[in-house]
Amino acid sequence: MTEQHGAAPPDAYIEAEIHRLLAEDPAVAEQGITAVHRERGVVLYGEVESPHRRDEILRRVTERFPDVPITSDIGVIRTQAPSQVEELP
């Protein structure tokens, strides 16, 4: 997990604001990320197709909410076809 620290605690509407930011930003247009308010900030969950996309999402959220501690638990999924045959028992 990647954590960004800020000073102010998140407010009750931060999850919805993050969802709207990610969905409505034409450069991101991401609906597969979930923002969950936790005791010490907000955790972003989900999967994206590249480390660059994950970093861009985290950058945009921390830029928009600089005083909110943001933790990223966004995984990167494989978008290419497997290179080996899977052997089943």
C-alpha atoms as a PDB file:
ATOM      1  CA  MET A   1       0.000   0.000   0.000  1.00  0.00           C
ATOM      2  CA  THR A   2       1.099   3.532  -0.723  1.00  0.00           C
ATOM      3  CA  GLU A   3       0.264   6.178   1.836  1.00  0.00           C
ATOM      4  CA  GLN A   4       0.148   9.937   1.444  1.00  0.00           C
ATOM      5  CA  HIS A   5      -0.093  11.969   4.651  1.00  0.00           C
ATOM      6  CA  GLY A   6      -2.046  15.165   5.194  1.00  0.00           C
ATOM      7  CA  ALA A   7      -3.073  17.195   8.217  1.00  0.00           C
ATOM      8  CA  ALA A   8      -6.884  17.462   8.242  1.00  0.00           C
ATOM      9  CA  PRO A   9      -9.255  14.564   8.885  1.00  0.00           C
ATOM     10  CA  PRO A  10     -11.531  13.658   5.977  1.00  0.00           C
ATOM     11  CA  ASP A  11     -15.129  14.864   6.095  1.00  0.00           C
ATOM     12  CA  ALA A  12     -18.240  12.724   5.725  1.00  0.00           C
ATOM     13  CA  TYR A  13     -18.579  13.392   1.980  1.00  0.00           C
ATOM     14  CA  ILE A  14     -15.033  12.681   0.852  1.00  0.00           C
ATOM     15  CA  GLU A  15     -15.842   9.225  -0.586  1.00  0.00           C
ATOM     16  CA  ALA A  16     -18.524  10.612  -2.899  1.00  0.00           C
ATOM     17  CA  GLU A  17     -16.302  13.509  -3.930  1.00  0.00           C
ATOM     18  CA  ILE A  18     -13.473  11.124  -4.863  1.00  0.00           C
ATOM     19  CA  HIS A  19     -15.835   8.853  -6.839  1.00  0.00           C
ATOM     20  CA  ARG A  20     -17.182  11.863  -8.725  1.00  0.00           C
ATOM     21  CA  LEU A  21     -13.678  13.213  -9.387  1.00  0.00           C
ATOM     22  CA  LEU A  22     -12.495   9.902 -10.859  1.00  0.00           C
ATOM     23  CA  ALA A  23     -15.646   9.287 -12.910  1.00  0.00           C
ATOM     24  CA  GLU A  24     -16.067  12.805 -14.300  1.00  0.00           C
ATOM     25  CA  ASP A  25     -12.428  13.640 -15.069  1.00  0.00           C
ATOM     26  CA  PRO A  26     -12.125  12.899 -18.822  1.00  0.00           C
ATOM     27  CA  ALA A  27      -8.439  12.035 -18.454  1.00  0.00           C
ATOM     28  CA  VAL A  28      -9.249   9.337 -15.883  1.00  0.00           C
ATOM     29  CA  ALA A  29     -12.916   8.316 -16.385  1.00  0.00           C
ATOM     30  CA  GLU A  30     -12.458   5.565 -13.788  1.00  0.00           C
ATOM     31  CA  GLN A  31     -15.466   3.931 -12.136  1.00  0.00           C
ATOM     32  CA  GLY A  32     -13.734   0.827 -10.804  1.00  0.00           C
ATOM     33  CA  ILE A  33     -12.045   2.506  -7.834  1.00  0.00           C
ATOM     34  CA  THR A  34     -13.716   2.493  -4.436  1.00  0.00           C
ATOM     35  CA  ALA A  35     -12.894   5.124  -1.815  1.00  0.00           C
ATOM     36  CA  VAL A  36     -13.516   4.064   1.787  1.00  0.00           C
ATOM     37  CA  HIS A  37     -13.314   6.431   4.754  1.00  0.00           C
ATOM     38  CA  ARG A  38     -11.231   4.905   7.531  1.00  0.00           C
ATOM     39  CA  GLU A  39     -10.193   6.165  10.945  1.00  0.00           C
ATOM     40  CA  ARG A  40      -6.965   7.713   9.670  1.00  0.00           C
ATOM     41  CA  GLY A  41      -8.009   8.819   6.209  1.00  0.00           C
ATOM     42  CA  VAL A  42      -9.279   7.355   2.966  1.00  0.00           C
ATOM     43  CA  VAL A  43      -8.265   4.080   1.316  1.00  0.00           C
ATOM     44  CA  LEU A  44      -8.590   3.647  -2.452  1.00  0.00           C
ATOM     45  CA  TYR A  45      -9.385   0.083  -3.560  1.00  0.00           C
ATOM     46  CA  GLY A  46      -9.671  -1.449  -7.010  1.00  0.00           C
ATOM     47  CA  GLU A  47      -7.688  -2.631  -9.987  1.00  0.00           C
ATOM     48  CA  VAL A  48      -6.317  -0.801 -13.001  1.00  0.00           C
ATOM     49  CA  GLU A  49      -4.440  -1.901 -16.108  1.00  0.00           C
ATOM     50  CA  SER A  50      -1.090  -0.212 -15.444  1.00  0.00           C
ATOM     51  CA  PRO A  51       1.120   1.220 -12.708  1.00  0.00           C
ATOM     52  CA  HIS A  52       1.021   4.555 -14.566  1.00  0.00           C
ATOM     53  CA  ARG A  53      -2.785   4.682 -14.319  1.00  0.00           C
ATOM     54  CA  ARG A  54      -2.654   3.835 -10.614  1.00  0.00           C
ATOM     55  CA  ASP A  55      -0.102   6.605 -10.034  1.00  0.00           C
ATOM     56  CA  GLU A  56      -2.185   9.091 -12.028  1.00  0.00           C
ATOM     57  CA  ILE A  57      -5.315   8.301  -9.985  1.00  0.00           C
ATOM     58  CA  LEU A  58      -3.396   8.714  -6.742  1.00  0.00           C
ATOM     59  CA  ARG A  59      -1.839  11.960  -7.995  1.00  0.00           C
ATOM     60  CA  ARG A  60      -5.200  13.466  -8.946  1.00  0.00           C
ATOM     61  CA  VAL A  61      -6.852  12.492  -5.662  1.00  0.00           C
ATOM     62  CA  THR A  62      -4.006  13.777  -3.479  1.00  0.00           C
ATOM     63  CA  GLU A  63      -3.827  16.953  -5.570  1.00  0.00           C
ATOM     64  CA  ARG A  64      -7.568  17.577  -5.110  1.00  0.00           C
ATOM     65  CA  PHE A  65      -7.538  16.662  -1.378  1.00  0.00           C
ATOM     66  CA  PRO A  66      -4.074  17.686  -0.141  1.00  0.00           C
ATOM     67  CA  ASP A  67      -5.032  17.664   3.560  1.00  0.00           C
ATOM     68  CA  VAL A  68      -6.574  14.186   3.557  1.00  0.00           C
ATOM     69  CA  PRO A  69      -4.400  11.128   4.278  1.00  0.00           C
ATOM     70  CA  ILE A  70      -4.828   8.846   1.240  1.00  0.00           C
ATOM     71  CA  THR A  71      -3.761   5.203   1.156  1.00  0.00           C
ATOM     72  CA  SER A  72      -3.688   3.352  -2.161  1.00  0.00           C
ATOM     73  CA  ASP A  73      -4.573  -0.327  -2.264  1.00  0.00           C
ATOM     74  CA  ILE A  74      -5.045  -0.270  -6.034  1.00  0.00           C
ATOM     75  CA  GLY A  75      -3.735  -3.361  -7.789  1.00  0.00           C
ATOM     76  CA  VAL A  76      -2.531  -3.730 -11.361  1.00  0.00           C
ATOM     77  CA  ILE A  77      -4.215  -6.427 -13.418  1.00  0.00           C
ATOM     78  CA  ARG A  78      -2.632  -8.242 -16.324  1.00  0.00           C
ATOM     79  CA  THR A  79      -4.014  -6.943 -19.614  1.00  0.00           C
ATOM     80  CA  GLN A  80      -2.010  -9.143 -21.951  1.00  0.00           C
ATOM     81  CA  ALA A  81      -2.767 -12.710 -22.942  1.00  0.00           C
ATOM     82  CA  PRO A  82      -0.950 -15.353 -20.881  1.00  0.00           C
ATOM     83  CA  SER A  83       2.359 -16.474 -22.353  1.00  0.00           C
ATOM     84  CA  GLN A  84       2.103 -20.017 -20.964  1.00  0.00           C
ATOM     85  CA  VAL A  85      -0.545 -22.716 -21.049  1.00  0.00           C
ATOM     86  CA  GLU A  86      -2.178 -23.306 -17.699  1.00  0.00           C
ATOM     87  CA  GLU A  87      -2.009 -26.952 -16.654  1.00  0.00           C
ATOM     88  CA  LEU A  88      -5.053 -28.122 -14.730  1.00  0.00           C
ATOM     89  CA  PRO A  89      -4.918 -31.214 -12.489  1.00  0.00           C
END
